[in-house]
Protein backbone atom coordinates (compact mmCIF):
# COMPACT_ATOMS: atom_id res chain seq x y z
CA MET A 1 0.02 0.09 -0.08
CA ARG A 2 1.51 3.36 -1.13
CA THR A 3 2.04 5.76 2.17
CA VAL A 4 3.09 9.18 3.01
CA ALA A 5 6.15 7.83 4.81
CA GLY A 6 6.94 4.97 2.80
CA ALA A 7 7.00 8.03 -0.48
CA LEU A 8 9.29 9.36 1.65
CA GLU A 9 11.62 7.13 3.17
CA ALA A 10 12.22 6.28 -0.81
CA ALA A 11 13.09 9.73 -1.51
CA LEU A 12 15.51 10.35 0.84
CA GLY A 13 16.95 6.66 0.13
CA SER A 14 17.58 7.82 -3.68
CA LEU A 15 19.10 11.05 -2.41
CA PHE A 16 21.65 9.46 0.71
CA ASP A 17 22.03 6.27 -1.64
CA SER A 18 21.16 3.94 1.34
CA PRO A 19 17.91 2.78 3.21
CA VAL A 20 15.77 5.47 5.82
CA LYS A 21 13.50 4.63 8.05
CA VAL A 22 11.47 7.83 9.27
CA THR A 23 9.63 8.77 12.42
CA GLY A 24 6.47 10.74 12.35
CA ALA A 25 5.33 12.62 15.47
CA GLY A 26 2.13 11.48 14.78
CA ARG A 27 -0.17 9.13 12.70
CA THR A 28 -2.38 10.30 10.02
CA ASP A 29 -4.88 7.47 8.76
CA SER A 30 -5.68 6.79 5.20
CA GLY A 31 -7.66 10.10 3.64
CA VAL A 32 -6.34 12.68 6.27
CA HIS A 33 -3.80 14.87 5.96
CA ALA A 34 -1.43 16.78 7.52
CA SER A 35 -0.03 20.67 6.78
CA GLY A 36 2.67 20.64 10.17
CA GLN A 37 3.62 17.01 10.13
CA VAL A 38 7.11 16.36 11.97
CA VAL A 39 9.52 13.89 10.85
CA SER A 40 12.74 12.76 12.48
CA LEU A 41 15.78 9.81 10.81
CA THR A 42 19.10 9.25 11.63
CA THR A 43 21.75 8.32 8.58
CA ALA A 44 25.15 8.24 7.93
CA ALA A 45 25.41 10.24 4.07
CA ARG A 46 27.45 12.42 3.93
CA PHE A 47 25.17 15.13 2.04
CA PRO A 48 24.76 18.53 1.81
CA PHE A 49 21.85 18.83 4.33
CA GLU A 50 21.12 23.14 3.57
CA HIS A 51 20.71 21.64 -0.06
CA LEU A 52 17.89 18.72 1.17
CA VAL A 53 14.81 20.50 0.72
CA PRO A 54 14.82 21.34 -2.58
CA ALA A 55 16.58 18.61 -3.61
CA LEU A 56 13.69 16.58 -2.11
CA GLN A 57 11.43 18.71 -4.11
CA GLY A 58 12.63 17.34 -7.52
CA VAL A 59 12.23 13.07 -6.46
CA LEU A 60 9.07 13.76 -4.40
CA PRO A 61 5.38 12.91 -6.05
CA ALA A 62 3.44 15.83 -6.23
CA ASP A 63 1.20 15.11 -3.42
CA LEU A 64 4.20 15.14 -0.75
CA SER A 65 5.86 18.37 -0.02
CA VAL A 66 8.47 19.34 2.56
CA ARG A 67 9.08 22.82 3.58
CA GLU A 68 12.18 22.91 6.17
CA ALA A 69 15.30 20.64 7.15
CA GLY A 70 17.77 20.72 9.59
CA VAL A 71 20.22 18.75 12.04
CA VAL A 72 19.03 18.14 15.82
CA ASP A 73 20.78 16.62 18.45
CA ASP A 74 21.39 13.20 19.27
CA GLY A 75 18.31 11.64 20.88
CA PHE A 76 15.47 13.33 19.34
CA SER A 77 12.28 11.78 17.76
CA ALA A 78 9.60 13.64 16.17
CA ARG A 79 7.13 11.23 17.96
CA PHE A 80 8.60 11.20 21.89
CA SER A 81 10.21 14.56 21.88
CA ALA A 82 6.90 16.58 21.05
CA CYS A 83 4.75 17.66 23.70
CA ARG A 84 1.71 18.99 21.92
CA ARG A 85 -0.17 18.38 19.10
CA THR A 86 -2.71 20.33 16.78
CA TYR A 87 -5.27 18.98 14.92
CA VAL A 88 -7.29 21.49 12.83
CA TYR A 89 -11.09 20.00 11.29
CA ALA A 90 -12.47 21.69 7.80
CA ILE A 91 -16.61 21.07 7.67
CA LEU A 92 -17.49 22.50 4.65
CA ASN A 93 -20.94 23.58 6.05
CA ARG A 94 -24.04 24.56 2.81
CA ARG A 95 -26.58 22.77 1.17
CA ALA A 96 -24.38 21.99 -2.01
CA ARG A 97 -21.83 19.83 -1.88
CA SER A 98 -18.46 21.08 -3.93
CA ALA A 99 -16.65 18.49 -6.22
CA LEU A 100 -13.35 20.57 -5.70
CA LEU A 101 -13.52 20.31 -1.52
CA ALA A 102 -14.92 16.60 -1.38
CA ARG A 103 -11.04 15.31 -0.38
CA TYR A 104 -10.07 17.95 1.88
CA SER A 105 -13.40 19.23 4.01
CA TRP A 106 -16.70 17.23 5.66
CA HIS A 107 -20.06 18.26 3.87
CA VAL A 108 -22.30 19.27 6.25
CA PRO A 109 -25.53 20.14 4.38
CA LYS A 110 -27.73 21.24 7.68
CA PRO A 111 -26.79 24.80 8.79
CA LEU A 112 -25.02 24.30 12.38
CA ASP A 113 -25.46 26.17 15.32
CA VAL A 114 -21.67 27.22 15.64
CA PRO A 115 -22.32 28.90 19.52
CA ALA A 116 -24.03 25.34 20.41
CA MET A 117 -21.29 23.89 19.10
CA ARG A 118 -18.76 26.20 21.21
CA ALA A 119 -20.21 25.65 24.29
CA ALA A 120 -20.39 21.44 24.04
CA ALA A 121 -16.62 21.99 23.27
CA ALA A 122 -15.87 24.29 26.35
CA CYS A 123 -16.47 20.97 28.32
CA LEU A 124 -13.52 19.02 26.88
CA VAL A 125 -10.62 21.58 27.66
CA GLY A 126 -8.79 20.47 30.44
CA GLU A 127 -7.71 17.01 31.66
CA HIS A 128 -10.12 13.87 31.26
CA ASP A 129 -10.38 10.48 30.02
CA PHE A 130 -11.39 10.84 26.58
CA ARG A 131 -12.48 6.78 26.50
CA SER A 132 -15.89 7.62 25.26
CA PHE A 133 -14.10 9.48 21.93
CA ALA A 134 -11.62 6.59 21.22
CA ALA A 135 -12.05 4.14 18.98
CA ALA A 136 -12.51 0.20 19.72
CA GLY A 137 -9.33 -1.13 21.08
CA ALA A 138 -7.57 1.82 22.47
CA GLY A 139 -5.07 1.19 24.69
CA GLU A 140 -5.53 1.60 28.52
CA ARG A 141 -4.59 5.09 29.13
CA THR A 142 -6.86 7.38 28.19
CA LEU A 143 -6.37 10.13 29.56
CA ARG A 144 -5.89 13.45 27.65
CA THR A 145 -5.20 17.32 28.63
CA VAL A 146 -6.91 19.46 25.44
CA CYS A 147 -5.16 22.94 25.86
CA ARG A 148 -7.39 24.52 23.49
CA LEU A 149 -10.33 23.92 21.21
CA GLY A 150 -12.04 26.69 19.21
CA ILE A 151 -14.50 26.88 16.61
CA GLU A 152 -14.87 29.42 14.25
CA SER A 153 -17.15 30.02 11.01
CA ARG A 154 -14.87 30.77 8.23
CA GLY A 155 -17.51 31.48 5.47
CA GLU A 156 -19.20 28.63 4.38
CA LEU A 157 -16.62 26.68 5.95
CA ILE A 158 -16.46 25.65 9.69
CA ARG A 159 -13.03 25.93 11.11
CA VAL A 160 -12.15 22.95 14.31
CA GLU A 161 -9.04 23.39 15.70
CA ILE A 162 -8.09 21.06 18.64
CA ALA A 163 -4.33 21.18 20.40
CA ALA A 164 -3.25 18.74 23.33
CA ASP A 165 -0.73 16.52 24.73
CA GLY A 166 -1.65 13.84 22.78
CA PHE A 167 -4.61 11.95 21.03
CA LEU A 168 -6.32 9.05 21.25
CA HIS A 169 -7.19 6.70 17.49
CA HIS A 170 -9.77 8.28 16.29
CA MET A 171 -10.51 10.75 18.96
CA VAL A 172 -10.74 14.24 17.13
CA ARG A 173 -12.74 12.70 14.78
CA SER A 174 -15.20 11.47 17.50
CA ILE A 175 -14.76 14.71 18.68
CA VAL A 176 -15.59 16.76 15.67
CA GLY A 177 -18.67 14.09 15.17
CA THR A 178 -20.31 14.59 18.34
CA LEU A 179 -19.82 18.17 18.18
CA ALA A 180 -21.62 18.62 14.46
CA GLU A 181 -24.83 16.56 16.25
CA CYS A 182 -25.01 19.57 18.84
CA GLY A 183 -24.99 22.05 16.28
CA GLU A 184 -27.20 20.55 13.96
CA GLY A 185 -29.47 20.41 17.34
CA ARG A 186 -29.58 16.16 17.79
CA ARG A 187 -27.59 16.19 20.77
CA ASP A 188 -27.86 18.57 24.05
CA ALA A 189 -24.56 20.78 24.03
CA ALA A 190 -25.61 20.59 28.15
CA GLY A 191 -24.85 16.46 27.95
CA MET A 192 -20.73 16.63 27.00
CA GLY A 193 -20.06 16.21 30.18
CA ALA A 194 -22.35 13.29 30.47
CA VAL A 195 -20.78 11.96 27.29
CA LEU A 196 -17.26 12.04 29.14
CA ALA A 197 -18.38 10.35 31.98
CA ALA A 198 -19.52 7.63 30.23
CA CYS A 199 -16.18 6.55 29.38
CA ASP A 200 -18.42 4.63 26.41
CA ARG A 201 -17.82 5.14 22.86
CA ALA A 202 -21.59 3.94 22.39
CA ALA A 203 -22.01 7.66 24.79
CA ALA A 204 -20.30 9.89 21.80
CA GLY A 205 -22.02 10.71 18.39
CA PHE A 206 -20.91 9.94 14.66
CA THR A 207 -17.04 9.82 13.78
CA ALA A 208 -16.21 12.77 11.57
CA PRO A 209 -15.05 11.58 7.83
CA ALA A 210 -10.80 11.58 7.40
CA ALA A 211 -11.31 13.86 5.07
CA GLY A 212 -11.55 17.18 6.72
CA LEU A 213 -8.69 16.18 9.41
CA TYR A 214 -5.44 17.99 9.24
CA LEU A 215 -2.56 17.37 11.22
CA ALA A 216 -1.39 20.97 11.91
CA GLY A 217 1.23 21.44 14.08
CA VAL A 218 3.48 19.72 16.36
CA ARG A 219 5.52 21.66 19.62
CA TYR A 220 8.88 20.84 20.89
CA ALA A 221 10.00 21.29 24.16
CA ASP A 222 12.40 24.02 22.85
CA GLY A 223 9.47 26.51 21.57
CA TYR A 224 9.87 25.14 18.05
CA ASP A 225 6.08 24.25 16.37
CA SER A 226 5.47 22.74 13.33
CA PHE A 227 1.84 24.82 13.15
CA ALA A 228 0.51 25.70 9.37
CA ASP A 229 -2.87 26.29 8.80
CA PRO A 230 -4.78 24.04 5.94
CA PRO A 231 -4.74 25.96 3.11
CA ILE A 232 -7.92 25.40 2.28
CA PHE A 233 -8.83 28.01 4.57
CA ARG A 234 -7.01 30.78 3.38
CA LEU A 235 -9.63 29.69 0.20
CA ALA A 236 -12.46 30.70 2.56
CA SER A 237 -13.89 34.27 2.85
CA PRO A 238 -13.08 35.58 6.68
């Protein structure tokens, strides 16, 4: 199966003339995008790393690009050195679907009540057991700290941004799907606390599609943050 990591490793291997294994800061399921992914790797290749980005752009496929590269200290891991990750979700909230945005957003034709979604989201900020929003088979440790969960309208798009110290599998998509049910009036925003307390996936709502989700940024202890807003929002009117 073609993967982002596989395509990147193949490109790096061709430049370094040796096999390369990369470690990503966060996983992205099939159909999920990344605008701020970070990867790390170890190599003994003699290569002018200041020229790595333009060299990679010349050999990577059209749907994969690299913004920047740098040499880091021994022991750095894109995954395990990360202290915060930020995901952004795009909802196209209008009656007509879009052929052009279908791969990059979730189309919800019914008008969503954004203030109701914000009220529900406020209950999720802080340290909680997010088992109700985890995919089946998630590990035993389901405690996570959400430090930010913002929702705003951008023209016909609704932008959901969630930052936390870590995420469970399908956690963001489950949260977005549940918030959308609140926005449609099918779920009481005041009941979000009860959903958390249930620690049961059946208590939460629909798992939103993969197409609207973006790994938008990863923050490290030294202050570096790879955050980049998904390009879809640059097309939306304020």
